């Protein structure tokens, strides 16, 4: 949690001049539970709260702060957190419960959400954490 906090803090002088924005990338697991990931979920909850608190505090300078909570994405962190067999079983189960397209997220889809929240098209959005998970949150853990 220190890195996002200090990064925002260090960027504020520049962001004040440019009326820039911050987009934090958190996780859908800030809103869902997962066995053996208490520390991960807690950290992501804290990041979501930082996003909202910073949005409120920095709005007076015209700085927007938002977040993206992606669903399960096949990244090195995910692959390295379990055996290949565990990954296959978990990703198949997760995908089967994902209403939209029954598949995992892609890095490109998450980047699209970040780009949108960084664009002028979202100029009236701040303090929002956008859940990008193909509807997986609708099904539960």
Foldseek 3Di string as FASTA:
>chain_A
DVVVVVVCVVCLVVCLVVLFEEEAEAAPLCVAPDPPCPVNNVVSVVVLVVQLVVQVVCVVSSYAGEYEHEYDEPDPVLPVVDDPVVSVVVQQVLLVLQPAPSHGDYPVQSVVVVVCCRDVVVSVDHSYYHYHYNRSPVRGD
